Amino acid sequence: MSENENQPKRKPNRPEWEARKTHPELAAEVEKALRTIVDPEIGMDIITLGLVRNLQIYDDSANLVMILTTPFCPYGPAILEAARRKVEETLQKPTTIELGDEIWDKDMMEEGAAEALGLW
């Protein structure tokens, strides 16, 4: 048995978006659209990285909660604004963005993504 086979399978730290319960079809459209926003330093999209922590869709607006891979990410403001604009464009609703207070770690990535980057 290899060393990796002895380790328990990692479960990603990926919260369920509120919009997946209230507006599942729209949430799926937003998720697909946000996969086009790539962190230029890492080369992976913000969904795969687990940077989108919540999406709320209301009758006349939307709110996106995101985190960054590091508080000092030089591309942070551009990534946040690109994501906000992408949600607004997809939903055709004014969208606000909040910077969450969670500290990013590799367990927030989609299953297999950390391995693909050589982080595990």
PDB file of N, CA and C in Angstrom:
ATOM      1  N   MET A   1       0.836  -1.190   0.000  1.00  0.00           N
ATOM      2  CA  MET A   1       0.000   0.000   0.000  1.00  0.00           C
ATOM      3  C   MET A   1       0.873   1.242   0.000  1.00  0.00           C
ATOM      4  N   SER A   2       0.498   2.201  -0.791  1.00  0.00           N
ATOM      5  CA  SER A   2       1.263   3.448  -0.816  1.00  0.00           C
ATOM      6  C   SER A   2       0.889   4.300   0.394  1.00  0.00           C
ATOM      7  N   GLU A   3       1.699   5.289   0.651  1.00  0.00           N
ATOM      8  CA  GLU A   3       1.454   6.180   1.791  1.00  0.00           C
ATOM      9  C   GLU A   3       0.116   6.903   1.665  1.00  0.00           C
ATOM     10  N   ASN A   4      -0.242   7.314   0.440  1.00  0.00           N
ATOM     11  CA  ASN A   4      -1.496   8.038   0.226  1.00  0.00           C
ATOM     12  C   ASN A   4      -2.721   7.171   0.477  1.00  0.00           C
ATOM     13  N   GLU A   5      -2.611   5.848   0.250  1.00  0.00           N
ATOM     14  CA  GLU A   5      -3.749   4.964   0.446  1.00  0.00           C
ATOM     15  C   GLU A   5      -4.089   4.813   1.920  1.00  0.00           C
ATOM     16  N   ASN A   6      -3.116   5.018   2.808  1.00  0.00           N
ATOM     17  CA  ASN A   6      -3.344   4.900   4.239  1.00  0.00           C
ATOM     18  C   ASN A   6      -4.015   6.132   4.828  1.00  0.00           C
ATOM     19  N   GLN A   7      -3.998   7.238   4.105  1.00  0.00           N
ATOM     20  CA  GLN A   7      -4.572   8.478   4.618  1.00  0.00           C
ATOM     21  C   GLN A   7      -6.067   8.518   4.340  1.00  0.00           C
ATOM     22  N   PRO A   8      -6.846   9.067   5.272  1.00  0.00           N
ATOM     23  CA  PRO A   8      -8.283   9.181   5.016  1.00  0.00           C
ATOM     24  C   PRO A   8      -8.529  10.133   3.851  1.00  0.00           C
ATOM     25  N   LYS A   9      -9.600   9.854   3.115  1.00  0.00           N
ATOM     26  CA  LYS A   9      -9.945  10.700   1.973  1.00  0.00           C
ATOM     27  C   LYS A   9     -10.341  12.081   2.469  1.00  0.00           C
ATOM     28  N   ARG A  10      -9.791  13.095   1.830  1.00  0.00           N
ATOM     29  CA  ARG A  10     -10.020  14.485   2.204  1.00  0.00           C
ATOM     30  C   ARG A  10     -11.392  14.927   1.714  1.00  0.00           C
ATOM     31  N   LYS A  11     -12.141  15.558   2.588  1.00  0.00           N
ATOM     32  CA  LYS A  11     -13.435  16.128   2.208  1.00  0.00           C
ATOM     33  C   LYS A  11     -13.262  17.629   2.061  1.00  0.00           C
ATOM     34  N   PRO A  12     -13.557  18.161   0.877  1.00  0.00           N
ATOM     35  CA  PRO A  12     -13.369  19.601   0.679  1.00  0.00           C
ATOM     36  C   PRO A  12     -14.231  20.450   1.613  1.00  0.00           C
ATOM     37  N   ASN A  13     -13.681  21.583   2.015  1.00  0.00           N
ATOM     38  CA  ASN A  13     -14.382  22.572   2.832  1.00  0.00           C
ATOM     39  C   ASN A  13     -15.083  23.528   1.875  1.00  0.00           C
ATOM     40  N   ARG A  14     -16.282  23.145   1.434  1.00  0.00           N
ATOM     41  CA  ARG A  14     -17.008  23.918   0.437  1.00  0.00           C
ATOM     42  C   ARG A  14     -18.440  24.142   0.927  1.00  0.00           C
ATOM     43  N   PRO A  15     -18.738  25.334   1.441  1.00  0.00           N
ATOM     44  CA  PRO A  15     -20.093  25.586   1.948  1.00  0.00           C
ATOM     45  C   PRO A  15     -21.130  25.582   0.826  1.00  0.00           C
ATOM     46  N   GLU A  16     -22.329  25.238   1.197  1.00  0.00           N
ATOM     47  CA  GLU A  16     -23.450  25.252   0.251  1.00  0.00           C
ATOM     48  C   GLU A  16     -23.932  26.683   0.081  1.00  0.00           C
ATOM     49  N   TRP A  17     -23.998  27.149  -1.147  1.00  0.00           N
ATOM     50  CA  TRP A  17     -24.493  28.497  -1.400  1.00  0.00           C
ATOM     51  C   TRP A  17     -25.987  28.558  -1.101  1.00  0.00           C
ATOM     52  N   GLU A  18     -26.422  29.651  -0.516  1.00  0.00           N
ATOM     53  CA  GLU A  18     -27.854  29.846  -0.273  1.00  0.00           C
ATOM     54  C   GLU A  18     -28.646  29.783  -1.575  1.00  0.00           C
ATOM     55  N   ALA A  19     -28.081  30.327  -2.648  1.00  0.00           N
ATOM     56  CA  ALA A  19     -28.782  30.365  -3.939  1.00  0.00           C
ATOM     57  C   ALA A  19     -29.029  28.977  -4.516  1.00  0.00           C
ATOM     58  N   ARG A  20     -28.236  27.990  -4.123  1.00  0.00           N
ATOM     59  CA  ARG A  20     -28.476  26.630  -4.622  1.00  0.00           C
ATOM     60  C   ARG A  20     -29.790  26.075  -4.078  1.00  0.00           C
ATOM     61  N   LYS A  21     -30.229  26.592  -2.947  1.00  0.00           N
ATOM     62  CA  LYS A  21     -31.510  26.168  -2.363  1.00  0.00           C
ATOM     63  C   LYS A  21     -32.662  27.023  -2.881  1.00  0.00           C
ATOM     64  N   THR A  22     -32.421  28.323  -3.023  1.00  0.00           N
ATOM     65  CA  THR A  22     -33.507  29.234  -3.399  1.00  0.00           C
ATOM     66  C   THR A  22     -33.685  29.392  -4.906  1.00  0.00           C
ATOM     67  N   HIS A  23     -32.588  29.310  -5.656  1.00  0.00           N
ATOM     68  CA  HIS A  23     -32.614  29.506  -7.107  1.00  0.00           C
ATOM     69  C   HIS A  23     -31.614  28.538  -7.757  1.00  0.00           C
ATOM     70  N   PRO A  24     -31.873  27.228  -7.718  1.00  0.00           N
ATOM     71  CA  PRO A  24     -30.870  26.264  -8.181  1.00  0.00           C
ATOM     72  C   PRO A  24     -30.433  26.424  -9.637  1.00  0.00           C
ATOM     73  N   GLU A  25     -31.375  26.757 -10.523  1.00  0.00           N
ATOM     74  CA  GLU A  25     -31.009  26.903 -11.935  1.00  0.00           C
ATOM     75  C   GLU A  25     -30.097  28.115 -12.142  1.00  0.00           C
ATOM     76  N   LEU A  26     -30.448  29.220 -11.494  1.00  0.00           N
ATOM     77  CA  LEU A  26     -29.626  30.424 -11.618  1.00  0.00           C
ATOM     78  C   LEU A  26     -28.259  30.224 -10.974  1.00  0.00           C
ATOM     79  N   ALA A  27     -28.217  29.527  -9.844  1.00  0.00           N
ATOM     80  CA  ALA A  27     -26.937  29.261  -9.180  1.00  0.00           C
ATOM     81  C   ALA A  27     -26.023  28.441 -10.094  1.00  0.00           C
ATOM     82  N   ALA A  28     -26.595  27.474 -10.799  1.00  0.00           N
ATOM     83  CA  ALA A  28     -25.804  26.662 -11.728  1.00  0.00           C
ATOM     84  C   ALA A  28     -25.252  27.518 -12.865  1.00  0.00           C
ATOM     85  N   GLU A  29     -26.052  28.459 -13.368  1.00  0.00           N
ATOM     86  CA  GLU A  29     -25.592  29.364 -14.427  1.00  0.00           C
ATOM     87  C   GLU A  29     -24.452  30.250 -13.924  1.00  0.00           C
ATOM     88  N   VAL A  30     -24.595  30.763 -12.706  1.00  0.00           N
ATOM     89  CA  VAL A  30     -23.556  31.615 -12.128  1.00  0.00           C
ATOM     90  C   VAL A  30     -22.273  30.808 -11.918  1.00  0.00           C
ATOM     91  N   GLU A  31     -22.410  29.600 -11.405  1.00  0.00           N
ATOM     92  CA  GLU A  31     -21.221  28.768 -11.194  1.00  0.00           C
ATOM     93  C   GLU A  31     -20.477  28.543 -12.508  1.00  0.00           C
ATOM     94  N   LYS A  32     -21.205  28.222 -13.549  1.00  0.00           N
ATOM     95  CA  LYS A  32     -20.583  28.015 -14.861  1.00  0.00           C
ATOM     96  C   LYS A  32     -19.872  29.289 -15.323  1.00  0.00           C
ATOM     97  N   ALA A  33     -20.519  30.427 -15.154  1.00  0.00           N
ATOM     98  CA  ALA A  33     -19.928  31.703 -15.572  1.00  0.00           C
ATOM     99  C   ALA A  33     -18.674  32.026 -14.757  1.00  0.00           C
ATOM    100  N   LEU A  34     -18.722  31.757 -13.445  1.00  0.00           N
ATOM    101  CA  LEU A  34     -17.575  32.079 -12.587  1.00  0.00           C
ATOM    102  C   LEU A  34     -16.373  31.175 -12.846  1.00  0.00           C
ATOM    103  N   ARG A  35     -16.585  30.039 -13.476  1.00  0.00           N
ATOM    104  CA  ARG A  35     -15.461  29.165 -13.834  1.00  0.00           C
ATOM    105  C   ARG A  35     -14.566  29.802 -14.908  1.00  0.00           C
ATOM    106  N   THR A  36     -15.036  30.880 -15.495  1.00  0.00           N
ATOM    107  CA  THR A  36     -14.209  31.579 -16.488  1.00  0.00           C
ATOM    108  C   THR A  36     -13.275  32.593 -15.846  1.00  0.00           C
ATOM    109  N   ILE A  37     -13.444  32.857 -14.547  1.00  0.00           N
ATOM    110  CA  ILE A  37     -12.577  33.802 -13.831  1.00  0.00           C
ATOM    111  C   ILE A  37     -11.417  33.008 -13.237  1.00  0.00           C
ATOM    112  N   VAL A  38     -10.212  33.268 -13.725  1.00  0.00           N
ATOM    113  CA  VAL A  38      -9.034  32.494 -13.335  1.00  0.00           C
ATOM    114  C   VAL A  38      -8.081  33.353 -12.503  1.00  0.00           C
ATOM    115  N   ASP A  39      -7.581  32.770 -11.420  1.00  0.00           N
ATOM    116  CA  ASP A  39      -6.534  33.430 -10.636  1.00  0.00           C
ATOM    117  C   ASP A  39      -5.253  33.337 -11.471  1.00  0.00           C
ATOM    118  N   PRO A  40      -4.724  34.467 -11.936  1.00  0.00           N
ATOM    119  CA  PRO A  40      -3.585  34.420 -12.855  1.00  0.00           C
ATOM    120  C   PRO A  40      -2.300  33.871 -12.232  1.00  0.00           C
ATOM    121  N   GLU A  41      -2.157  33.948 -10.933  1.00  0.00           N
ATOM    122  CA  GLU A  41      -0.946  33.418 -10.305  1.00  0.00           C
ATOM    123  C   GLU A  41      -0.989  31.902 -10.177  1.00  0.00           C
ATOM    124  N   ILE A  42      -2.180  31.348  -9.958  1.00  0.00           N
ATOM    125  CA  ILE A  42      -2.314  29.911  -9.744  1.00  0.00           C
ATOM    126  C   ILE A  42      -2.723  29.193 -11.027  1.00  0.00           C
ATOM    127  N   GLY A  43      -3.478  29.893 -11.870  1.00  0.00           N
ATOM    128  CA  GLY A  43      -3.903  29.289 -13.131  1.00  0.00           C
ATOM    129  C   GLY A  43      -5.123  28.400 -13.008  1.00  0.00           C
ATOM    130  N   MET A  44      -5.885  28.571 -11.934  1.00  0.00           N
ATOM    131  CA  MET A  44      -7.133  27.820 -11.753  1.00  0.00           C
ATOM    132  C   MET A  44      -8.268  28.807 -11.533  1.00  0.00           C
ATOM    133  N   ASP A  45      -9.477  28.356 -11.877  1.00  0.00           N
ATOM    134  CA  ASP A  45     -10.624  29.249 -11.731  1.00  0.00           C
ATOM    135  C   ASP A  45     -11.059  29.365 -10.272  1.00  0.00           C
ATOM    136  N   ILE A  46     -11.821  30.402  -9.992  1.00  0.00           N
ATOM    137  CA  ILE A  46     -12.186  30.720  -8.617  1.00  0.00           C
ATOM    138  C   ILE A  46     -13.158  29.711  -8.007  1.00  0.00           C
ATOM    139  N   ILE A  47     -13.891  28.979  -8.820  1.00  0.00           N
ATOM    140  CA  ILE A  47     -14.771  27.926  -8.294  1.00  0.00           C
ATOM    141  C   ILE A  47     -13.924  26.734  -7.868  1.00  0.00           C
ATOM    142  N   THR A  48     -13.026  26.287  -8.734  1.00  0.00           N
ATOM    143  CA  THR A  48     -12.152  25.163  -8.411  1.00  0.00           C
ATOM    144  C   THR A  48     -11.336  25.443  -7.160  1.00  0.00           C
ATOM    145  N   LEU A  49     -10.870  26.679  -7.013  1.00  0.00           N
ATOM    146  CA  LEU A  49     -10.076  27.053  -5.847  1.00  0.00           C
ATOM    147  C   LEU A  49     -10.907  27.158  -4.567  1.00  0.00           C
ATOM    148  N   GLY A  50     -12.217  27.259  -4.698  1.00  0.00           N
ATOM    149  CA  GLY A  50     -13.073  27.386  -3.512  1.00  0.00           C
ATOM    150  C   GLY A  50     -13.138  28.799  -2.977  1.00  0.00           C
ATOM    151  N   LEU A  51     -12.881  29.783  -3.825  1.00  0.00           N
ATOM    152  CA  LEU A  51     -12.867  31.172  -3.367  1.00  0.00           C
ATOM    153  C   LEU A  51     -14.268  31.760  -3.223  1.00  0.00           C
ATOM    154  N   VAL A  52     -15.241  31.190  -3.914  1.00  0.00           N
ATOM    155  CA  VAL A  52     -16.624  31.665  -3.802  1.00  0.00           C
ATOM    156  C   VAL A  52     -17.265  30.908  -2.647  1.00  0.00           C
ATOM    157  N   ARG A  53     -17.605  31.624  -1.592  1.00  0.00           N
ATOM    158  CA  ARG A  53     -18.096  30.993  -0.374  1.00  0.00           C
ATOM    159  C   ARG A  53     -19.618  31.027  -0.254  1.00  0.00           C
ATOM    160  N   ASN A  54     -20.262  31.998  -0.905  1.00  0.00           N
ATOM    161  CA  ASN A  54     -21.722  32.050  -0.862  1.00  0.00           C
ATOM    162  C   ASN A  54     -22.236  32.922  -1.997  1.00  0.00           C
ATOM    163  N   LEU A  55     -23.440  32.612  -2.414  1.00  0.00           N
ATOM    164  CA  LEU A  55     -24.159  33.418  -3.386  1.00  0.00           C
ATOM    165  C   LEU A  55     -25.595  33.517  -2.899  1.00  0.00           C
ATOM    166  N   GLN A  56     -26.086  34.741  -2.818  1.00  0.00           N
ATOM    167  CA  GLN A  56     -27.475  34.995  -2.440  1.00  0.00           C
ATOM    168  C   GLN A  56     -28.122  35.730  -3.606  1.00  0.00           C
ATOM    169  N   ILE A  57     -29.276  35.251  -4.016  1.00  0.00           N
ATOM    170  CA  ILE A  57     -30.017  35.885  -5.109  1.00  0.00           C
ATOM    171  C   ILE A  57     -31.348  36.360  -4.557  1.00  0.00           C
ATOM    172  N   TYR A  58     -31.605  37.637  -4.748  1.00  0.00           N
ATOM    173  CA  TYR A  58     -32.845  38.263  -4.291  1.00  0.00           C
ATOM    174  C   TYR A  58     -33.669  38.669  -5.509  1.00  0.00           C
ATOM    175  N   ASP A  59     -34.867  39.200  -5.282  1.00  0.00           N
ATOM    176  CA  ASP A  59     -35.730  39.605  -6.389  1.00  0.00           C
ATOM    177  C   ASP A  59     -35.075  40.648  -7.276  1.00  0.00           C
ATOM    178  N   ASP A  60     -34.375  41.600  -6.652  1.00  0.00           N
ATOM    179  CA  ASP A  60     -33.845  42.723  -7.431  1.00  0.00           C
ATOM    180  C   ASP A  60     -32.327  42.891  -7.325  1.00  0.00           C
ATOM    181  N   SER A  61     -31.630  41.918  -6.728  1.00  0.00           N
ATOM    182  CA  SER A  61     -30.179  42.041  -6.590  1.00  0.00           C
ATOM    183  C   SER A  61     -29.568  40.683  -6.244  1.00  0.00           C
ATOM    184  N   ALA A  62     -28.242  40.686  -6.140  1.00  0.00           N
ATOM    185  CA  ALA A  62     -27.515  39.483  -5.735  1.00  0.00           C
ATOM    186  C   ALA A  62     -26.329  39.903  -4.875  1.00  0.00           C
ATOM    187  N   ASN A  63     -25.840  38.968  -4.080  1.00  0.00           N
ATOM    188  CA  ASN A  63     -24.677  39.208  -3.237  1.00  0.00           C
ATOM    189  C   ASN A  63     -23.759  37.994  -3.333  1.00  0.00           C
ATOM    190  N   LEU A  64     -22.493  38.252  -3.554  1.00  0.00           N
ATOM    191  CA  LEU A  64     -21.479  37.217  -3.682  1.00  0.00           C
ATOM    192  C   LEU A  64     -20.485  37.382  -2.542  1.00  0.00           C
ATOM    193  N   VAL A  65     -20.166  36.283  -1.854  1.00  0.00           N
ATOM    194  CA  VAL A  65     -19.172  36.305  -0.785  1.00  0.00           C
ATOM    195  C   VAL A  65     -17.976  35.501  -1.275  1.00  0.00           C
ATOM    196  N   MET A  66     -16.818  36.137  -1.254  1.00  0.00           N
ATOM    197  CA  MET A  66     -15.596  35.492  -1.717  1.00  0.00           C
ATOM    198  C   MET A  66     -14.475  35.690  -0.712  1.00  0.00           C
ATOM    199  N   ILE A  67     -13.461  34.852  -0.849  1.00  0.00           N
ATOM    200  CA  ILE A  67     -12.209  35.032  -0.133  1.00  0.00           C
ATOM    201  C   ILE A  67     -11.093  35.009  -1.166  1.00  0.00           C
ATOM    202  N   LEU A  68      -9.893  35.330  -0.735  1.00  0.00           N
ATOM    203  CA  LEU A  68      -8.726  35.290  -1.613  1.00  0.00           C
ATOM    204  C   LEU A  68      -7.757  34.234  -1.090  1.00  0.00           C
ATOM    205  N   THR A  69      -6.856  33.787  -1.950  1.00  0.00           N
ATOM    206  CA  THR A  69      -5.896  32.771  -1.519  1.00  0.00           C
ATOM    207  C   THR A  69      -4.922  33.321  -0.497  1.00  0.00           C
ATOM    208  N   THR A  70      -4.715  34.623  -0.508  1.00  0.00           N
ATOM    209  CA  THR A  70      -3.875  35.292   0.479  1.00  0.00           C
ATOM    210  C   THR A  70      -4.399  36.713   0.656  1.00  0.00           C
ATOM    211  N   PRO A  71      -4.325  37.259   1.853  1.00  0.00           N
ATOM    212  CA  PRO A  71      -4.814  38.631   2.049  1.00  0.00           C
ATOM    213  C   PRO A  71      -4.050  39.656   1.210  1.00  0.00           C
ATOM    214  N   PHE A  72      -2.860  39.305   0.783  1.00  0.00           N
ATOM    215  CA  PHE A  72      -2.032  40.240   0.024  1.00  0.00           C
ATOM    216  C   PHE A  72      -1.989  39.901  -1.459  1.00  0.00           C
ATOM    217  N   CYS A  73      -2.971  39.168  -1.931  1.00  0.00           N
ATOM    218  CA  CYS A  73      -3.026  38.771  -3.341  1.00  0.00           C
ATOM    219  C   CYS A  73      -3.000  40.027  -4.215  1.00  0.00           C
ATOM    220  N   PRO A  74      -1.970  40.163  -5.055  1.00  0.00           N
ATOM    221  CA  PRO A  74      -1.887  41.373  -5.876  1.00  0.00           C
ATOM    222  C   PRO A  74      -3.023  41.483  -6.906  1.00  0.00           C
ATOM    223  N   TYR A  75      -3.621  40.355  -7.251  1.00  0.00           N
ATOM    224  CA  TYR A  75      -4.719  40.366  -8.219  1.00  0.00           C
ATOM    225  C   TYR A  75      -6.086  40.395  -7.536  1.00  0.00           C
ATOM    226  N   GLY A  76      -6.117  40.428  -6.195  1.00  0.00           N
ATOM    227  CA  GLY A  76      -7.364  40.364  -5.446  1.00  0.00           C
ATOM    228  C   GLY A  76      -8.432  41.328  -5.905  1.00  0.00           C
ATOM    229  N   PRO A  77      -8.149  42.613  -5.941  1.00  0.00           N
ATOM    230  CA  PRO A  77      -9.194  43.556  -6.365  1.00  0.00           C
ATOM    231  C   PRO A  77      -9.726  43.269  -7.773  1.00  0.00           C
ATOM    232  N   ALA A  78      -8.859  42.901  -8.680  1.00  0.00           N
ATOM    233  CA  ALA A  78      -9.290  42.608 -10.057  1.00  0.00           C
ATOM    234  C   ALA A  78     -10.142  41.336 -10.104  1.00  0.00           C
ATOM    235  N   ILE A  79      -9.754  40.313  -9.343  1.00  0.00           N
ATOM    236  CA  ILE A  79     -10.519  39.066  -9.315  1.00  0.00           C
ATOM    237  C   ILE A  79     -11.906  39.309  -8.711  1.00  0.00           C
ATOM    238  N   LEU A  80     -11.962  40.046  -7.610  1.00  0.00           N
ATOM    239  CA  LEU A  80     -13.247  40.342  -6.973  1.00  0.00           C
ATOM    240  C   LEU A  80     -14.169  41.117  -7.915  1.00  0.00           C
ATOM    241  N   GLU A  81     -13.638  42.122  -8.573  1.00  0.00           N
ATOM    242  CA  GLU A  81     -14.462  42.924  -9.482  1.00  0.00           C
ATOM    243  C   GLU A  81     -14.891  42.115 -10.702  1.00  0.00           C
ATOM    244  N   ALA A  82     -14.006  41.290 -11.232  1.00  0.00           N
ATOM    245  CA  ALA A  82     -14.373  40.446 -12.371  1.00  0.00           C
ATOM    246  C   ALA A  82     -15.497  39.489 -11.989  1.00  0.00           C
ATOM    247  N   ALA A  83     -15.423  38.919 -10.795  1.00  0.00           N
ATOM    248  CA  ALA A  83     -16.469  38.006 -10.331  1.00  0.00           C
ATOM    249  C   ALA A  83     -17.792  38.746 -10.132  1.00  0.00           C
ATOM    250  N   ARG A  84     -17.730  39.923  -9.535  1.00  0.00           N
ATOM    251  CA  ARG A  84     -18.951  40.708  -9.326  1.00  0.00           C
ATOM    252  C   ARG A  84     -19.622  41.019 -10.665  1.00  0.00           C
ATOM    253  N   ARG A  85     -18.804  41.469 -11.621  1.00  0.00           N
ATOM    254  CA  ARG A  85     -19.348  41.809 -12.943  1.00  0.00           C
ATOM    255  C   ARG A  85     -19.928  40.583 -13.648  1.00  0.00           C
ATOM    256  N   LYS A  86     -19.275  39.438 -13.489  1.00  0.00           N
ATOM    257  CA  LYS A  86     -19.741  38.213 -14.143  1.00  0.00           C
ATOM    258  C   LYS A  86     -21.096  37.784 -13.576  1.00  0.00           C
ATOM    259  N   VAL A  87     -21.275  37.882 -12.258  1.00  0.00           N
ATOM    260  CA  VAL A  87     -22.561  37.543 -11.644  1.00  0.00           C
ATOM    261  C   VAL A  87     -23.624  38.532 -12.116  1.00  0.00           C
ATOM    262  N   GLU A  88     -23.300  39.804 -12.094  1.00  0.00           N
ATOM    263  CA  GLU A  88     -24.246  40.835 -12.526  1.00  0.00           C
ATOM    264  C   GLU A  88     -24.675  40.605 -13.976  1.00  0.00           C
ATOM    265  N   GLU A  89     -23.725  40.286 -14.832  1.00  0.00           N
ATOM    266  CA  GLU A  89     -24.007  40.024 -16.246  1.00  0.00           C
ATOM    267  C   GLU A  89     -24.871  38.774 -16.419  1.00  0.00           C
ATOM    268  N   THR A  90     -24.564  37.733 -15.671  1.00  0.00           N
ATOM    269  CA  THR A  90     -25.291  36.465 -15.786  1.00  0.00           C
ATOM    270  C   THR A  90     -26.722  36.592 -15.288  1.00  0.00           C
ATOM    271  N   LEU A  91     -26.906  37.258 -14.164  1.00  0.00           N
ATOM    272  CA  LEU A  91     -28.234  37.374 -13.553  1.00  0.00           C
ATOM    273  C   LEU A  91     -29.022  38.592 -14.022  1.00  0.00           C
ATOM    274  N   GLN A  92     -28.320  39.549 -14.632  1.00  0.00           N
ATOM    275  CA  GLN A  92     -28.959  40.802 -15.021  1.00  0.00           C
ATOM    276  C   GLN A  92     -29.574  41.502 -13.808  1.00  0.00           C
ATOM    277  N   LYS A  93     -28.807  41.483 -12.695  1.00  0.00           N
ATOM    278  CA  LYS A  93     -29.227  42.135 -11.450  1.00  0.00           C
ATOM    279  C   LYS A  93     -28.015  42.835 -10.851  1.00  0.00           C
ATOM    280  N   PRO A  94     -28.216  43.983 -10.218  1.00  0.00           N
ATOM    281  CA  PRO A  94     -27.107  44.613  -9.501  1.00  0.00           C
ATOM    282  C   PRO A  94     -26.546  43.626  -8.469  1.00  0.00           C
ATOM    283  N   THR A  95     -25.233  43.552  -8.409  1.00  0.00           N
ATOM    284  CA  THR A  95     -24.586  42.574  -7.538  1.00  0.00           C
ATOM    285  C   THR A  95     -23.551  43.252  -6.656  1.00  0.00           C
ATOM    286  N   THR A  96     -23.601  42.906  -5.379  1.00  0.00           N
ATOM    287  CA  THR A  96     -22.582  43.375  -4.441  1.00  0.00           C
ATOM    288  C   THR A  96     -21.645  42.212  -4.150  1.00  0.00           C
ATOM    289  N   ILE A  97     -20.459  42.556  -3.688  1.00  0.00           N
ATOM    290  CA  ILE A  97     -19.498  41.523  -3.325  1.00  0.00           C
ATOM    291  C   ILE A  97     -18.985  41.803  -1.928  1.00  0.00           C
ATOM    292  N   GLU A  98     -18.847  40.755  -1.152  1.00  0.00           N
ATOM    293  CA  GLU A  98     -18.288  40.849   0.190  1.00  0.00           C
ATOM    294  C   GLU A  98     -17.011  40.027   0.230  1.00  0.00           C
ATOM    295  N   LEU A  99     -16.019  40.546   0.916  1.00  0.00           N
ATOM    296  CA  LEU A  99     -14.799  39.789   1.143  1.00  0.00           C
ATOM    297  C   LEU A  99     -14.962  39.065   2.473  1.00  0.00           C
ATOM    298  N   GLY A 100     -15.050  37.743   2.410  1.00  0.00           N
ATOM    299  CA  GLY A 100     -15.236  36.949   3.619  1.00  0.00           C
ATOM    300  C   GLY A 100     -13.995  36.962   4.497  1.00  0.00           C
ATOM    301  N   ASP A 101     -14.162  36.514   5.730  1.00  0.00           N
ATOM    302  CA  ASP A 101     -13.042  36.563   6.670  1.00  0.00           C
ATOM    303  C   ASP A 101     -12.362  35.212   6.883  1.00  0.00           C
ATOM    304  N   GLU A 102     -12.754  34.201   6.121  1.00  0.00           N
ATOM    305  CA  GLU A 102     -12.097  32.903   6.228  1.00  0.00           C
ATOM    306  C   GLU A 102     -10.679  32.984   5.670  1.00  0.00           C
ATOM    307  N   ILE A 103      -9.809  32.158   6.215  1.00  0.00           N
ATOM    308  CA  ILE A 103      -8.450  32.035   5.684  1.00  0.00           C
ATOM    309  C   ILE A 103      -8.466  30.866   4.706  1.00  0.00           C
ATOM    310  N   TRP A 104      -8.065  31.111   3.472  1.00  0.00           N
ATOM    311  CA  TRP A 104      -8.077  30.075   2.451  1.00  0.00           C
ATOM    312  C   TRP A 104      -7.044  29.001   2.762  1.00  0.00           C
ATOM    313  N   ASP A 105      -7.412  27.748   2.486  1.00  0.00           N
ATOM    314  CA  ASP A 105      -6.433  26.667   2.499  1.00  0.00           C
ATOM    315  C   ASP A 105      -6.814  25.655   1.420  1.00  0.00           C
ATOM    316  N   LYS A 106      -5.931  24.738   1.145  1.00  0.00           N
ATOM    317  CA  LYS A 106      -6.111  23.808   0.027  1.00  0.00           C
ATOM    318  C   LYS A 106      -7.344  22.924   0.185  1.00  0.00           C
ATOM    319  N   ASP A 107      -7.844  22.759   1.402  1.00  0.00           N
ATOM    320  CA  ASP A 107      -9.032  21.943   1.612  1.00  0.00           C
ATOM    321  C   ASP A 107     -10.299  22.598   1.067  1.00  0.00           C
ATOM    322  N   MET A 108     -10.209  23.843   0.654  1.00  0.00           N
ATOM    323  CA  MET A 108     -11.356  24.531   0.070  1.00  0.00           C
ATOM    324  C   MET A 108     -11.458  24.267  -1.434  1.00  0.00           C
ATOM    325  N   MET A 109     -10.429  23.666  -2.000  1.00  0.00           N
ATOM    326  CA  MET A 109     -10.405  23.388  -3.434  1.00  0.00           C
ATOM    327  C   MET A 109     -11.286  22.186  -3.758  1.00  0.00           C
ATOM    328  N   GLU A 110     -11.725  22.117  -5.016  1.00  0.00           N
ATOM    329  CA  GLU A 110     -12.474  20.950  -5.455  1.00  0.00           C
ATOM    330  C   GLU A 110     -11.581  19.721  -5.332  1.00  0.00           C
ATOM    331  N   GLU A 111     -12.217  18.590  -5.143  1.00  0.00           N
ATOM    332  CA  GLU A 111     -11.480  17.344  -5.000  1.00  0.00           C
ATOM    333  C   GLU A 111     -10.575  17.118  -6.215  1.00  0.00           C
ATOM    334  N   GLY A 112      -9.322  16.811  -5.951  1.00  0.00           N
ATOM    335  CA  GLY A 112      -8.348  16.558  -7.003  1.00  0.00           C
ATOM    336  C   GLY A 112      -7.574  17.775  -7.452  1.00  0.00           C
ATOM    337  N   ALA A 113      -8.078  18.978  -7.158  1.00  0.00           N
ATOM    338  CA  ALA A 113      -7.421  20.194  -7.640  1.00  0.00           C
ATOM    339  C   ALA A 113      -6.086  20.433  -6.936  1.00  0.00           C
ATOM    340  N   ALA A 114      -6.020  20.196  -5.636  1.00  0.00           N
ATOM    341  CA  ALA A 114      -4.776  20.392  -4.896  1.00  0.00           C
ATOM    342  C   ALA A 114      -3.710  19.439  -5.411  1.00  0.00           C
ATOM    343  N   GLU A 115      -4.115  18.221  -5.669  1.00  0.00           N
ATOM    344  CA  GLU A 115      -3.181  17.238  -6.185  1.00  0.00           C
ATOM    345  C   GLU A 115      -2.649  17.667  -7.562  1.00  0.00           C
ATOM    346  N   ALA A 116      -3.545  18.215  -8.379  1.00  0.00           N
ATOM    347  CA  ALA A 116      -3.146  18.664  -9.719  1.00  0.00           C
ATOM    348  C   ALA A 116      -2.093  19.778  -9.649  1.00  0.00           C
ATOM    349  N   LEU A 117      -2.149  20.591  -8.579  1.00  0.00           N
ATOM    350  CA  LEU A 117      -1.167  21.655  -8.397  1.00  0.00           C
ATOM    351  C   LEU A 117       0.077  21.175  -7.656  1.00  0.00           C
ATOM    352  N   GLY A 118       0.032  19.938  -7.165  1.00  0.00           N
ATOM    353  CA  GLY A 118       1.145  19.406  -6.397  1.00  0.00           C
ATOM    354  C   GLY A 118       1.165  19.884  -4.953  1.00  0.00           C
ATOM    355  N   LEU A 119      -0.016  20.259  -4.416  1.00  0.00           N
ATOM    356  CA  LEU A 119      -0.097  20.750  -3.045  1.00  0.00           C
ATOM    357  C   LEU A 119      -0.316  19.625  -2.035  1.00  0.00           C
ATOM    358  N   TRP A 120      -0.559  18.404  -2.493  1.00  0.00           N
ATOM    359  CA  TRP A 120      -0.840  17.317  -1.546  1.00  0.00           C
ATOM    360  C   TRP A 120      -0.128  16.079  -1.965  1.00  0.00           C
TER     361      TRP A 120
END
